[in-house]
PDB file of N, CA and C in Angstrom:
ATOM      1  N   UNK A   1      47.764 -26.687 -10.862  1.00  0.00           N
ATOM      2  CA  UNK A   1      48.171 -27.325  -9.630  1.00  0.00           C
ATOM      3  C   UNK A   1      47.395 -28.625  -9.461  1.00  0.00           C
ATOM      4  N   UNK A   2      48.115 -29.681  -9.243  1.00  0.00           N
ATOM      5  CA  UNK A   2      47.515 -31.011  -9.116  1.00  0.00           C
ATOM      6  C   UNK A   2      47.069 -31.243  -7.668  1.00  0.00           C
ATOM      7  N   UNK A   3      45.844 -31.749  -7.510  1.00  0.00           N
ATOM      8  CA  UNK A   3      45.313 -32.020  -6.179  1.00  0.00           C
ATOM      9  C   UNK A   3      45.871 -33.343  -5.680  1.00  0.00           C
ATOM     10  N   UNK A   4      46.291 -33.340  -4.429  1.00  0.00           N
ATOM     11  CA  UNK A   4      46.768 -34.571  -3.803  1.00  0.00           C
ATOM     12  C   UNK A   4      45.573 -35.184  -3.079  1.00  0.00           C
ATOM     13  N   UNK A   5      44.920 -36.154  -3.705  1.00  0.00           N
ATOM     14  CA  UNK A   5      43.698 -36.741  -3.166  1.00  0.00           C
ATOM     15  C   UNK A   5      43.944 -37.469  -1.846  1.00  0.00           C
ATOM     16  N   UNK A   6      45.139 -38.056  -1.674  1.00  0.00           N
ATOM     17  CA  UNK A   6      45.441 -38.731  -0.410  1.00  0.00           C
ATOM     18  C   UNK A   6      45.493 -37.719   0.742  1.00  0.00           C
ATOM     19  N   UNK A   7      46.083 -36.534   0.474  1.00  0.00           N
ATOM     20  CA  UNK A   7      46.164 -35.500   1.498  1.00  0.00           C
ATOM     21  C   UNK A   7      44.769 -34.994   1.861  1.00  0.00           C
ATOM     22  N   UNK A   8      43.927 -34.813   0.851  1.00  0.00           N
ATOM     23  CA  UNK A   8      42.545 -34.368   1.074  1.00  0.00           C
ATOM     24  C   UNK A   8      41.792 -35.399   1.905  1.00  0.00           C
ATOM     25  N   UNK A   9      41.974 -36.684   1.589  1.00  0.00           N
ATOM     26  CA  UNK A   9      41.302 -37.754   2.329  1.00  0.00           C
ATOM     27  C   UNK A   9      41.761 -37.782   3.787  1.00  0.00           C
ATOM     28  N   UNK A  10      43.064 -37.575   4.025  1.00  0.00           N
ATOM     29  CA  UNK A  10      43.584 -37.553   5.397  1.00  0.00           C
ATOM     30  C   UNK A  10      42.993 -36.377   6.187  1.00  0.00           C
ATOM     31  N   UNK A  11      42.908 -35.234   5.541  1.00  0.00           N
ATOM     32  CA  UNK A  11      42.337 -34.053   6.211  1.00  0.00           C
ATOM     33  C   UNK A  11      40.870 -34.285   6.547  1.00  0.00           C
ATOM     34  N   UNK A  12      40.122 -34.834   5.595  1.00  0.00           N
ATOM     35  CA  UNK A  12      38.705 -35.112   5.841  1.00  0.00           C
ATOM     36  C   UNK A  12      38.529 -36.137   6.951  1.00  0.00           C
ATOM     37  N   UNK A  13      39.368 -37.137   6.983  1.00  0.00           N
ATOM     38  CA  UNK A  13      39.293 -38.166   8.019  1.00  0.00           C
ATOM     39  C   UNK A  13      39.575 -37.545   9.392  1.00  0.00           C
ATOM     40  N   UNK A  14      40.592 -36.675   9.476  1.00  0.00           N
ATOM     41  CA  UNK A  14      40.925 -36.019  10.739  1.00  0.00           C
ATOM     42  C   UNK A  14      39.791 -35.094  11.187  1.00  0.00           C
ATOM     43  N   UNK A  15      39.209 -34.359  10.254  1.00  0.00           N
ATOM     44  CA  UNK A  15      38.085 -33.471  10.586  1.00  0.00           C
ATOM     45  C   UNK A  15      36.895 -34.280  11.085  1.00  0.00           C
ATOM     46  N   UNK A  16      36.614 -35.376  10.404  1.00  0.00           N
ATOM     47  CA  UNK A  16      35.495 -36.226  10.778  1.00  0.00           C
ATOM     48  C   UNK A  16      35.696 -36.790  12.181  1.00  0.00           C
ATOM     49  N   UNK A  17      36.922 -37.198  12.474  1.00  0.00           N
ATOM     50  CA  UNK A  17      37.227 -37.766  13.784  1.00  0.00           C
ATOM     51  C   UNK A  17      37.084 -36.704  14.880  1.00  0.00           C
ATOM     52  N   UNK A  18      37.558 -35.500  14.613  1.00  0.00           N
ATOM     53  CA  UNK A  18      37.552 -34.434  15.623  1.00  0.00           C
ATOM     54  C   UNK A  18      36.181 -33.760  15.767  1.00  0.00           C
ATOM     55  N   UNK A  19      35.517 -33.455  14.638  1.00  0.00           N
ATOM     56  CA  UNK A  19      34.287 -32.654  14.671  1.00  0.00           C
ATOM     57  C   UNK A  19      33.017 -33.419  14.319  1.00  0.00           C
ATOM     58  N   UNK A  20      33.131 -34.662  13.920  1.00  0.00           N
ATOM     59  CA  UNK A  20      31.956 -35.449  13.561  1.00  0.00           C
ATOM     60  C   UNK A  20      31.765 -35.531  12.059  1.00  0.00           C
ATOM     61  N   UNK A  21      30.972 -36.500  11.647  1.00  0.00           N
ATOM     62  CA  UNK A  21      30.761 -36.790  10.228  1.00  0.00           C
ATOM     63  C   UNK A  21      30.123 -35.615   9.484  1.00  0.00           C
ATOM     64  N   UNK A  22      29.260 -34.861  10.156  1.00  0.00           N
ATOM     65  CA  UNK A  22      28.575 -33.751   9.483  1.00  0.00           C
ATOM     66  C   UNK A  22      29.525 -32.616   9.088  1.00  0.00           C
ATOM     67  N   UNK A  23      30.746 -32.615   9.620  1.00  0.00           N
ATOM     68  CA  UNK A  23      31.689 -31.553   9.274  1.00  0.00           C
ATOM     69  C   UNK A  23      32.284 -31.715   7.876  1.00  0.00           C
ATOM     70  N   UNK A  24      32.165 -32.914   7.308  1.00  0.00           N
ATOM     71  CA  UNK A  24      32.743 -33.122   5.969  1.00  0.00           C
ATOM     72  C   UNK A  24      31.678 -33.379   4.899  1.00  0.00           C
ATOM     73  N   UNK A  25      30.414 -33.278   5.276  1.00  0.00           N
ATOM     74  CA  UNK A  25      29.335 -33.515   4.312  1.00  0.00           C
ATOM     75  C   UNK A  25      29.172 -32.273   3.438  1.00  0.00           C
ATOM     76  N   UNK A  26      28.977 -32.464   2.163  1.00  0.00           N
ATOM     77  CA  UNK A  26      28.736 -31.376   1.229  1.00  0.00           C
ATOM     78  C   UNK A  26      27.369 -30.760   1.538  1.00  0.00           C
ATOM     79  N   UNK A  27      27.286 -29.451   1.737  1.00  0.00           N
ATOM     80  CA  UNK A  27      26.009 -28.820   2.066  1.00  0.00           C
ATOM     81  C   UNK A  27      24.929 -29.045   1.004  1.00  0.00           C
ATOM     82  N   UNK A  28      25.312 -29.205  -0.229  1.00  0.00           N
ATOM     83  CA  UNK A  28      24.332 -29.420  -1.300  1.00  0.00           C
ATOM     84  C   UNK A  28      23.684 -30.801  -1.222  1.00  0.00           C
ATOM     85  N   UNK A  29      24.297 -31.732  -0.507  1.00  0.00           N
ATOM     86  CA  UNK A  29      23.769 -33.096  -0.477  1.00  0.00           C
ATOM     87  C   UNK A  29      22.407 -33.174   0.208  1.00  0.00           C
ATOM     88  N   UNK A  30      22.094 -32.278   1.125  1.00  0.00           N
ATOM     89  CA  UNK A  30      20.809 -32.292   1.808  1.00  0.00           C
ATOM     90  C   UNK A  30      19.789 -31.356   1.190  1.00  0.00           C
ATOM     91  N   UNK A  31      20.106 -30.740   0.057  1.00  0.00           N
ATOM     92  CA  UNK A  31      19.235 -29.764  -0.590  1.00  0.00           C
ATOM     93  C   UNK A  31      18.371 -30.451  -1.624  1.00  0.00           C
ATOM     94  N   UNK A  32      17.073 -30.180  -1.602  1.00  0.00           N
ATOM     95  CA  UNK A  32      16.172 -30.753  -2.609  1.00  0.00           C
ATOM     96  C   UNK A  32      15.213 -29.676  -3.103  1.00  0.00           C
ATOM     97  N   UNK A  33      14.293 -30.049  -3.978  1.00  0.00           N
ATOM     98  CA  UNK A  33      13.366 -29.082  -4.575  1.00  0.00           C
ATOM     99  C   UNK A  33      12.447 -28.442  -3.529  1.00  0.00           C
ATOM    100  N   UNK A  34      12.009 -29.234  -2.533  1.00  0.00           N
ATOM    101  CA  UNK A  34      11.131 -28.674  -1.494  1.00  0.00           C
ATOM    102  C   UNK A  34      11.845 -27.606  -0.676  1.00  0.00           C
ATOM    103  N   UNK A  35      13.095 -27.879  -0.326  1.00  0.00           N
ATOM    104  CA  UNK A  35      13.866 -26.899   0.429  1.00  0.00           C
ATOM    105  C   UNK A  35      14.119 -25.650  -0.410  1.00  0.00           C
ATOM    106  N   UNK A  36      14.336 -25.833  -1.700  1.00  0.00           N
ATOM    107  CA  UNK A  36      14.548 -24.696  -2.596  1.00  0.00           C
ATOM    108  C   UNK A  36      13.301 -23.822  -2.650  1.00  0.00           C
ATOM    109  N   UNK A  37      12.107 -24.445  -2.769  1.00  0.00           N
ATOM    110  CA  UNK A  37      10.854 -23.690  -2.798  1.00  0.00           C
ATOM    111  C   UNK A  37      10.648 -22.927  -1.487  1.00  0.00           C
ATOM    112  N   UNK A  38      10.900 -23.609  -0.367  1.00  0.00           N
ATOM    113  CA  UNK A  38      10.732 -22.969   0.933  1.00  0.00           C
ATOM    114  C   UNK A  38      11.694 -21.797   1.084  1.00  0.00           C
ATOM    115  N   UNK A  39      12.916 -21.971   0.638  1.00  0.00           N
ATOM    116  CA  UNK A  39      13.921 -20.913   0.705  1.00  0.00           C
ATOM    117  C   UNK A  39      13.480 -19.698  -0.110  1.00  0.00           C
ATOM    118  N   UNK A  40      12.989 -19.927  -1.316  1.00  0.00           N
ATOM    119  CA  UNK A  40      12.554 -18.824  -2.169  1.00  0.00           C
ATOM    120  C   UNK A  40      11.348 -18.098  -1.575  1.00  0.00           C
ATOM    121  N   UNK A  41      10.422 -18.842  -0.964  1.00  0.00           N
ATOM    122  CA  UNK A  41       9.266 -18.215  -0.311  1.00  0.00           C
ATOM    123  C   UNK A  41       9.708 -17.356   0.868  1.00  0.00           C
ATOM    124  N   UNK A  42      10.626 -17.901   1.669  1.00  0.00           N
ATOM    125  CA  UNK A  42      11.137 -17.140   2.818  1.00  0.00           C
ATOM    126  C   UNK A  42      11.853 -15.879   2.358  1.00  0.00           C
ATOM    127  N   UNK A  43      12.607 -15.995   1.289  1.00  0.00           N
ATOM    128  CA  UNK A  43      13.341 -14.861   0.749  1.00  0.00           C
ATOM    129  C   UNK A  43      12.378 -13.777   0.259  1.00  0.00           C
ATOM    130  N   UNK A  44      11.333 -14.210  -0.431  1.00  0.00           N
ATOM    131  CA  UNK A  44      10.324 -13.273  -0.931  1.00  0.00           C
ATOM    132  C   UNK A  44       9.624 -12.566   0.227  1.00  0.00           C
ATOM    133  N   UNK A  45       9.286 -13.311   1.266  1.00  0.00           N
ATOM    134  CA  UNK A  45       8.621 -12.739   2.443  1.00  0.00           C
ATOM    135  C   UNK A  45       9.540 -11.740   3.158  1.00  0.00           C
ATOM    136  N   UNK A  46      10.804 -12.088   3.286  1.00  0.00           N
ATOM    137  CA  UNK A  46      11.763 -11.208   3.948  1.00  0.00           C
ATOM    138  C   UNK A  46      11.874  -9.880   3.215  1.00  0.00           C
ATOM    139  N   UNK A  47      12.020  -9.926   1.907  1.00  0.00           N
ATOM    140  CA  UNK A  47      12.182  -8.689   1.154  1.00  0.00           C
ATOM    141  C   UNK A  47      10.893  -7.891   1.065  1.00  0.00           C
ATOM    142  N   UNK A  48       9.742  -8.538   1.123  1.00  0.00           N
ATOM    143  CA  UNK A  48       8.488  -7.779   1.112  1.00  0.00           C
ATOM    144  C   UNK A  48       8.319  -7.029   2.432  1.00  0.00           C
ATOM    145  N   UNK A  49       8.714  -7.636   3.563  1.00  0.00           N
ATOM    146  CA  UNK A  49       8.656  -6.957   4.856  1.00  0.00           C
ATOM    147  C   UNK A  49       9.633  -5.786   4.886  1.00  0.00           C
ATOM    148  N   UNK A  50      10.818  -5.983   4.324  1.00  0.00           N
ATOM    149  CA  UNK A  50      11.830  -4.936   4.305  1.00  0.00           C
ATOM    150  C   UNK A  50      11.368  -3.745   3.471  1.00  0.00           C
ATOM    151  N   UNK A  51      10.701  -4.019   2.345  1.00  0.00           N
ATOM    152  CA  UNK A  51      10.238  -2.919   1.499  1.00  0.00           C
ATOM    153  C   UNK A  51       9.115  -2.145   2.187  1.00  0.00           C
ATOM    154  N   UNK A  52       8.283  -2.844   2.973  1.00  0.00           N
ATOM    155  CA  UNK A  52       7.238  -2.145   3.724  1.00  0.00           C
ATOM    156  C   UNK A  52       7.850  -1.244   4.775  1.00  0.00           C
ATOM    157  N   UNK A  53       8.943  -1.676   5.369  1.00  0.00           N
ATOM    158  CA  UNK A  53       9.599  -0.856   6.380  1.00  0.00           C
ATOM    159  C   UNK A  53      10.213   0.387   5.752  1.00  0.00           C
ATOM    160  N   UNK A  54      10.690   0.286   4.516  1.00  0.00           N
ATOM    161  CA  UNK A  54      11.270   1.434   3.836  1.00  0.00           C
ATOM    162  C   UNK A  54      10.223   2.522   3.614  1.00  0.00           C
ATOM    163  N   UNK A  55       8.966   2.098   3.387  1.00  0.00           N
ATOM    164  CA  UNK A  55       7.900   3.069   3.172  1.00  0.00           C
ATOM    165  C   UNK A  55       7.566   3.834   4.450  1.00  0.00           C
ATOM    166  N   UNK A  56       7.927   3.284   5.589  1.00  0.00           N
ATOM    167  CA  UNK A  56       7.597   3.890   6.865  1.00  0.00           C
ATOM    168  C   UNK A  56       8.740   4.772   7.372  1.00  0.00           C
ATOM    169  N   UNK A  57       9.392   5.497   6.447  1.00  0.00           N
ATOM    170  CA  UNK A  57      10.484   6.382   6.818  1.00  0.00           C
ATOM    171  C   UNK A  57      10.128   7.813   6.454  1.00  0.00           C
ATOM    172  N   UNK A  58      10.682   8.731   7.213  1.00  0.00           N
ATOM    173  CA  UNK A  58      10.401  10.147   7.031  1.00  0.00           C
ATOM    174  C   UNK A  58      11.681  10.853   6.609  1.00  0.00           C
ATOM    175  N   UNK A  59      11.558  11.772   5.669  1.00  0.00           N
ATOM    176  CA  UNK A  59      12.708  12.558   5.237  1.00  0.00           C
ATOM    177  C   UNK A  59      12.882  13.700   6.218  1.00  0.00           C
ATOM    178  N   UNK A  60      13.912  13.610   7.034  1.00  0.00           N
ATOM    179  CA  UNK A  60      14.196  14.615   8.057  1.00  0.00           C
ATOM    180  C   UNK A  60      15.535  15.261   7.747  1.00  0.00           C
ATOM    181  N   UNK A  61      15.506  16.466   7.218  1.00  0.00           N
ATOM    182  CA  UNK A  61      16.722  17.216   6.865  1.00  0.00           C
ATOM    183  C   UNK A  61      17.611  16.437   5.896  1.00  0.00           C
ATOM    184  N   UNK A  62      17.019  15.759   4.933  1.00  0.00           N
ATOM    185  CA  UNK A  62      17.788  15.044   3.924  1.00  0.00           C
ATOM    186  C   UNK A  62      18.145  13.619   4.310  1.00  0.00           C
ATOM    187  N   UNK A  63      17.734  13.163   5.497  1.00  0.00           N
ATOM    188  CA  UNK A  63      18.012  11.804   5.943  1.00  0.00           C
ATOM    189  C   UNK A  63      16.698  11.066   6.114  1.00  0.00           C
ATOM    190  N   UNK A  64      16.672   9.802   5.701  1.00  0.00           N
ATOM    191  CA  UNK A  64      15.480   8.989   5.887  1.00  0.00           C
ATOM    192  C   UNK A  64      15.586   8.272   7.224  1.00  0.00           C
ATOM    193  N   UNK A  65      14.642   8.572   8.118  1.00  0.00           N
ATOM    194  CA  UNK A  65      14.650   8.032   9.469  1.00  0.00           C
ATOM    195  C   UNK A  65      13.362   7.241   9.674  1.00  0.00           C
ATOM    196  N   UNK A  66      13.453   6.023  10.264  1.00  0.00           N
ATOM    197  CA  UNK A  66      12.231   5.271  10.547  1.00  0.00           C
ATOM    198  C   UNK A  66      11.297   6.064  11.452  1.00  0.00           C
ATOM    199  N   UNK A  67      10.025   6.020  11.118  1.00  0.00           N
ATOM    200  CA  UNK A  67       9.016   6.798  11.834  1.00  0.00           C
ATOM    201  C   UNK A  67       9.000   6.471  13.334  1.00  0.00           C
ATOM    202  N   UNK A  68       9.241   5.206  13.686  1.00  0.00           N
ATOM    203  CA  UNK A  68       9.168   4.831  15.092  1.00  0.00           C
ATOM    204  C   UNK A  68      10.333   5.373  15.923  1.00  0.00           C
ATOM    205  N   UNK A  69      11.384   5.882  15.285  1.00  0.00           N
ATOM    206  CA  UNK A  69      12.507   6.457  16.030  1.00  0.00           C
ATOM    207  C   UNK A  69      12.349   7.949  16.281  1.00  0.00           C
ATOM    208  N   UNK A  70      11.380   8.550  15.638  1.00  0.00           N
ATOM    209  CA  UNK A  70      11.200   9.995  15.765  1.00  0.00           C
ATOM    210  C   UNK A  70      10.222  10.282  16.890  1.00  0.00           C
ATOM    211  N   UNK A  71      10.677  11.088  17.814  1.00  0.00           N
ATOM    212  CA  UNK A  71       9.845  11.523  18.925  1.00  0.00           C
ATOM    213  C   UNK A  71       9.813  13.048  18.873  1.00  0.00           C
ATOM    214  N   UNK A  72       8.710  13.602  18.439  1.00  0.00           N
ATOM    215  CA  UNK A  72       8.615  15.048  18.262  1.00  0.00           C
ATOM    216  C   UNK A  72       8.549  15.784  19.599  1.00  0.00           C
ATOM    217  N   UNK A  73       8.114  15.086  20.651  1.00  0.00           N
ATOM    218  CA  UNK A  73       7.964  15.736  21.942  1.00  0.00           C
ATOM    219  C   UNK A  73       9.265  15.614  22.729  1.00  0.00           C
ATOM    220  N   UNK A  74      10.160  16.575  22.549  1.00  0.00           N
ATOM    221  CA  UNK A  74      11.420  16.580  23.285  1.00  0.00           C
ATOM    222  C   UNK A  74      11.313  17.643  24.358  1.00  0.00           C
ATOM    223  N   UNK A  75      11.434  17.209  25.590  1.00  0.00           N
ATOM    224  CA  UNK A  75      11.321  18.129  26.710  1.00  0.00           C
ATOM    225  C   UNK A  75      12.723  18.567  27.116  1.00  0.00           C
ATOM    226  N   UNK A  76      12.992  19.850  27.005  1.00  0.00           N
ATOM    227  CA  UNK A  76      14.310  20.393  27.334  1.00  0.00           C
ATOM    228  C   UNK A  76      14.322  21.104  28.687  1.00  0.00           C
ATOM    229  N   UNK A  77      13.176  21.214  29.339  1.00  0.00           N
ATOM    230  CA  UNK A  77      13.107  21.901  30.629  1.00  0.00           C
ATOM    231  C   UNK A  77      12.982  20.849  31.719  1.00  0.00           C
ATOM    232  N   UNK A  78      13.887  20.929  32.695  1.00  0.00           N
ATOM    233  CA  UNK A  78      13.867  19.996  33.827  1.00  0.00           C
ATOM    234  C   UNK A  78      12.663  20.309  34.707  1.00  0.00           C
ATOM    235  N   UNK A  79      11.782  19.334  34.961  1.00  0.00           N
ATOM    236  CA  UNK A  79      10.610  19.608  35.803  1.00  0.00           C
ATOM    237  C   UNK A  79      10.965  19.830  37.271  1.00  0.00           C
ATOM    238  N   UNK A  80      12.174  19.459  37.690  1.00  0.00           N
ATOM    239  CA  UNK A  80      12.560  19.624  39.089  1.00  0.00           C
ATOM    240  C   UNK A  80      13.125  21.023  39.332  1.00  0.00           C
ATOM    241  N   UNK A  81      14.149  21.409  38.570  1.00  0.00           N
ATOM    242  CA  UNK A  81      14.790  22.713  38.812  1.00  0.00           C
ATOM    243  C   UNK A  81      14.377  23.768  37.787  1.00  0.00           C
ATOM    244  N   UNK A  82      13.611  23.361  36.772  1.00  0.00           N
ATOM    245  CA  UNK A  82      13.071  24.255  35.744  1.00  0.00           C
ATOM    246  C   UNK A  82      14.146  24.992  34.950  1.00  0.00           C
ATOM    247  N   UNK A  83      15.298  24.350  34.721  1.00  0.00           N
ATOM    248  CA  UNK A  83      16.339  24.930  33.866  1.00  0.00           C
ATOM    249  C   UNK A  83      16.246  24.318  32.484  1.00  0.00           C
ATOM    250  N   UNK A  84      16.627  25.083  31.486  1.00  0.00           N
ATOM    251  CA  UNK A  84      16.613  24.651  30.093  1.00  0.00           C
ATOM    252  C   UNK A  84      17.989  24.100  29.746  1.00  0.00           C
ATOM    253  N   UNK A  85      18.025  22.978  29.039  1.00  0.00           N
ATOM    254  CA  UNK A  85      19.299  22.333  28.760  1.00  0.00           C
ATOM    255  C   UNK A  85      19.432  21.951  27.299  1.00  0.00           C
ATOM    256  N   UNK A  86      20.645  22.099  26.766  1.00  0.00           N
ATOM    257  CA  UNK A  86      20.972  21.616  25.428  1.00  0.00           C
ATOM    258  C   UNK A  86      21.829  20.357  25.492  1.00  0.00           C
ATOM    259  N   UNK A  87      22.201  19.921  26.676  1.00  0.00           N
ATOM    260  CA  UNK A  87      23.133  18.814  26.850  1.00  0.00           C
ATOM    261  C   UNK A  87      22.514  17.486  26.429  1.00  0.00           C
ATOM    262  N   UNK A  88      23.287  16.708  25.692  1.00  0.00           N
ATOM    263  CA  UNK A  88      22.842  15.375  25.308  1.00  0.00           C
ATOM    264  C   UNK A  88      22.788  14.439  26.495  1.00  0.00           C
ATOM    265  N   UNK A  89      23.647  14.669  27.475  1.00  0.00           N
ATOM    266  CA  UNK A  89      23.632  13.819  28.673  1.00  0.00           C
ATOM    267  C   UNK A  89      22.358  14.046  29.473  1.00  0.00           C
ATOM    268  N   UNK A  90      21.834  15.265  29.439  1.00  0.00           N
ATOM    269  CA  UNK A  90      20.574  15.519  30.135  1.00  0.00           C
ATOM    270  C   UNK A  90      19.440  14.707  29.518  1.00  0.00           C
ATOM    271  N   UNK A  91      19.516  14.460  28.209  1.00  0.00           N
ATOM    272  CA  UNK A  91      18.481  13.654  27.552  1.00  0.00           C
ATOM    273  C   UNK A  91      18.384  12.275  28.192  1.00  0.00           C
ATOM    274  N   UNK A  92      19.524  11.693  28.526  1.00  0.00           N
ATOM    275  CA  UNK A  92      19.544  10.382  29.160  1.00  0.00           C
ATOM    276  C   UNK A  92      18.788  10.416  30.488  1.00  0.00           C
ATOM    277  N   UNK A  93      19.105  11.394  31.311  1.00  0.00           N
ATOM    278  CA  UNK A  93      18.454  11.490  32.618  1.00  0.00           C
ATOM    279  C   UNK A  93      16.982  11.875  32.490  1.00  0.00           C
ATOM    280  N   UNK A  94      16.664  12.711  31.492  1.00  0.00           N
ATOM    281  CA  UNK A  94      15.266  13.090  31.278  1.00  0.00           C
ATOM    282  C   UNK A  94      14.430  11.872  30.886  1.00  0.00           C
ATOM    283  N   UNK A  95      14.989  11.009  30.050  1.00  0.00           N
ATOM    284  CA  UNK A  95      14.256   9.817  29.625  1.00  0.00           C
ATOM    285  C   UNK A  95      14.060   8.829  30.762  1.00  0.00           C
ATOM    286  N   UNK A  96      15.070   8.662  31.595  1.00  0.00           N
ATOM    287  CA  UNK A  96      14.991   7.644  32.640  1.00  0.00           C
ATOM    288  C   UNK A  96      14.396   8.163  33.946  1.00  0.00           C
ATOM    289  N   UNK A  97      14.772   9.386  34.355  1.00  0.00           N
ATOM    290  CA  UNK A  97      14.366   9.879  35.670  1.00  0.00           C
ATOM    291  C   UNK A  97      13.521  11.154  35.634  1.00  0.00           C
ATOM    292  N   UNK A  98      13.298  11.705  34.444  1.00  0.00           N
ATOM    293  CA  UNK A  98      12.518  12.934  34.285  1.00  0.00           C
ATOM    294  C   UNK A  98      13.141  14.099  35.049  1.00  0.00           C
ATOM    295  N   UNK A  99      14.462  14.238  34.902  1.00  0.00           N
ATOM    296  CA  UNK A  99      15.176  15.365  35.489  1.00  0.00           C
ATOM    297  C   UNK A  99      16.496  15.547  34.746  1.00  0.00           C
ATOM    298  N   UNK A 100      17.165  16.674  34.976  1.00  0.00           N
ATOM    299  CA  UNK A 100      18.452  16.927  34.322  1.00  0.00           C
ATOM    300  C   UNK A 100      19.580  16.200  35.069  1.00  0.00           C
ATOM    301  N   UNK A 101      20.767  16.261  34.511  1.00  0.00           N
ATOM    302  CA  UNK A 101      21.912  15.590  35.127  1.00  0.00           C
ATOM    303  C   UNK A 101      22.221  16.177  36.504  1.00  0.00           C
ATOM    304  N   UNK A 102      22.139  17.490  36.628  1.00  0.00           N
ATOM    305  CA  UNK A 102      22.411  18.145  37.916  1.00  0.00           C
ATOM    306  C   UNK A 102      21.457  17.677  39.003  1.00  0.00           C
ATOM    307  N   UNK A 103      20.184  17.591  38.668  1.00  0.00           N
ATOM    308  CA  UNK A 103      19.202  17.120  39.657  1.00  0.00           C
ATOM    309  C   UNK A 103      19.420  15.647  39.971  1.00  0.00           C
ATOM    310  N   UNK A 104      19.825  14.899  38.983  1.00  0.00           N
ATOM    311  CA  UNK A 104      20.124  13.486  39.240  1.00  0.00           C
ATOM    312  C   UNK A 104      21.236  13.375  40.276  1.00  0.00           C
ATOM    313  N   UNK A 105      22.306  14.134  40.081  1.00  0.00           N
ATOM    314  CA  UNK A 105      23.437  14.070  41.007  1.00  0.00           C
ATOM    315  C   UNK A 105      23.014  14.569  42.397  1.00  0.00           C
ATOM    316  N   UNK A 106      22.231  15.621  42.425  1.00  0.00           N
ATOM    317  CA  UNK A 106      21.844  16.227  43.706  1.00  0.00           C
ATOM    318  C   UNK A 106      20.795  15.425  44.457  1.00  0.00           C
ATOM    319  N   UNK A 107      19.771  14.901  43.754  1.00  0.00           N
ATOM    320  CA  UNK A 107      18.632  14.307  44.438  1.00  0.00           C
ATOM    321  C   UNK A 107      18.482  12.793  44.280  1.00  0.00           C
ATOM    322  N   UNK A 108      19.039  12.209  43.218  1.00  0.00           N
ATOM    323  CA  UNK A 108      18.713  10.814  42.915  1.00  0.00           C
ATOM    324  C   UNK A 108      19.875   9.850  43.134  1.00  0.00           C
ATOM    325  N   UNK A 109      21.066  10.268  42.805  1.00  0.00           N
ATOM    326  CA  UNK A 109      22.221   9.372  42.861  1.00  0.00           C
ATOM    327  C   UNK A 109      22.309   8.679  44.226  1.00  0.00           C
ATOM    328  N   UNK A 110      22.417   7.366  44.211  1.00  0.00           N
ATOM    329  CA  UNK A 110      22.446   6.505  45.398  1.00  0.00           C
ATOM    330  C   UNK A 110      21.120   6.478  46.148  1.00  0.00           C
ATOM    331  N   UNK A 111      20.076   7.117  45.598  1.00  0.00           N
ATOM    332  CA  UNK A 111      18.748   7.097  46.215  1.00  0.00           C
ATOM    333  C   UNK A 111      17.684   6.847  45.143  1.00  0.00           C
ATOM    334  N   UNK A 112      18.033   6.066  44.144  1.00  0.00           N
ATOM    335  CA  UNK A 112      17.134   5.850  43.008  1.00  0.00           C
ATOM    336  C   UNK A 112      15.829   5.199  43.420  1.00  0.00           C
ATOM    337  N   UNK A 113      15.897   4.286  44.373  1.00  0.00           N
ATOM    338  CA  UNK A 113      14.695   3.578  44.795  1.00  0.00           C
ATOM    339  C   UNK A 113      13.645   4.558  45.322  1.00  0.00           C
ATOM    340  N   UNK A 114      14.087   5.510  46.140  1.00  0.00           N
ATOM    341  CA  UNK A 114      13.185   6.525  46.696  1.00  0.00           C
ATOM    342  C   UNK A 114      12.575   7.359  45.568  1.00  0.00           C
ATOM    343  N   UNK A 115      13.379   7.729  44.585  1.00  0.00           N
ATOM    344  CA  UNK A 115      12.908   8.551  43.465  1.00  0.00           C
ATOM    345  C   UNK A 115      11.875   7.789  42.636  1.00  0.00           C
ATOM    346  N   UNK A 116      12.172   6.529  42.364  1.00  0.00           N
ATOM    347  CA  UNK A 116      11.259   5.731  41.553  1.00  0.00           C
ATOM    348  C   UNK A 116       9.934   5.453  42.259  1.00  0.00           C
ATOM    349  N   UNK A 117       9.939   5.543  43.585  1.00  0.00           N
ATOM    350  CA  UNK A 117       8.688   5.366  44.343  1.00  0.00           C
ATOM    351  C   UNK A 117       7.838   6.637  44.339  1.00  0.00           C
ATOM    352  N   UNK A 118       8.426   7.767  43.848  1.00  0.00           N
ATOM    353  CA  UNK A 118       7.623   8.973  43.709  1.00  0.00           C
ATOM    354  C   UNK A 118       8.089  10.187  44.501  1.00  0.00           C
ATOM    355  N   UNK A 119       9.119  10.035  45.307  1.00  0.00           N
ATOM    356  CA  UNK A 119       9.608  11.180  46.089  1.00  0.00           C
ATOM    357  C   UNK A 119      10.167  12.256  45.177  1.00  0.00           C
ATOM    358  N   UNK A 120       9.856  13.526  45.480  1.00  0.00           N
ATOM    359  CA  UNK A 120      10.404  14.660  44.751  1.00  0.00           C
ATOM    360  C   UNK A 120      10.744  15.747  45.766  1.00  0.00           C
ATOM    361  N   UNK A 121      11.767  16.562  45.506  1.00  0.00           N
ATOM    362  CA  UNK A 121      12.113  17.629  46.450  1.00  0.00           C
ATOM    363  C   UNK A 121      11.054  18.733  46.441  1.00  0.00           C
ATOM    364  N   UNK A 122      10.900  19.381  47.573  1.00  0.00           N
ATOM    365  CA  UNK A 122       9.993  20.533  47.675  1.00  0.00           C
ATOM    366  C   UNK A 122      10.585  21.686  46.890  1.00  0.00           C
ATOM    367  N   UNK A 123       9.758  22.648  46.539  1.00  0.00           N
ATOM    368  CA  UNK A 123      10.244  23.827  45.819  1.00  0.00           C
ATOM    369  C   UNK A 123      11.239  24.617  46.662  1.00  0.00           C
ATOM    370  N   UNK A 124      11.036  24.626  48.006  1.00  0.00           N
ATOM    371  CA  UNK A 124      11.966  25.342  48.876  1.00  0.00           C
ATOM    372  C   UNK A 124      13.325  24.670  48.919  1.00  0.00           C
ATOM    373  N   UNK A 125      13.353  23.346  48.871  1.00  0.00           N
ATOM    374  CA  UNK A 125      14.601  22.594  48.902  1.00  0.00           C
ATOM    375  C   UNK A 125      15.405  22.846  47.644  1.00  0.00           C
ATOM    376  N   UNK A 126      14.724  23.042  46.563  1.00  0.00           N
ATOM    377  CA  UNK A 126      15.385  23.203  45.268  1.00  0.00           C
ATOM    378  C   UNK A 126      15.859  24.626  45.158  1.00  0.00           C
TER     379      UNK A 126
END
């Protein structure tokens, strides 16, 4: 297939007019030996950091999980109503409000400010 150089020139001219001169510059034209050295150093540093992160993983049931994502202390008992839960949704409320979903709906919903200031229901109320 023969290239139509006039068509290519018209397209480049239109691109230059619409998007600026830098839109038609060859990316290799600004590349030199110093930039190549810097690029290779950055690449080496990036992969050395990545390999260090790989070493910080734990084999958990056949899966490699980053150590910082593992929290061995999982509390399944709601400190407010003292019920045990397997629900994943309760995990959300336990992490944010230190209670189960039921207690959130009963005591916290629309009253979060009071809860965050430290208010808790009495044992008789619960």
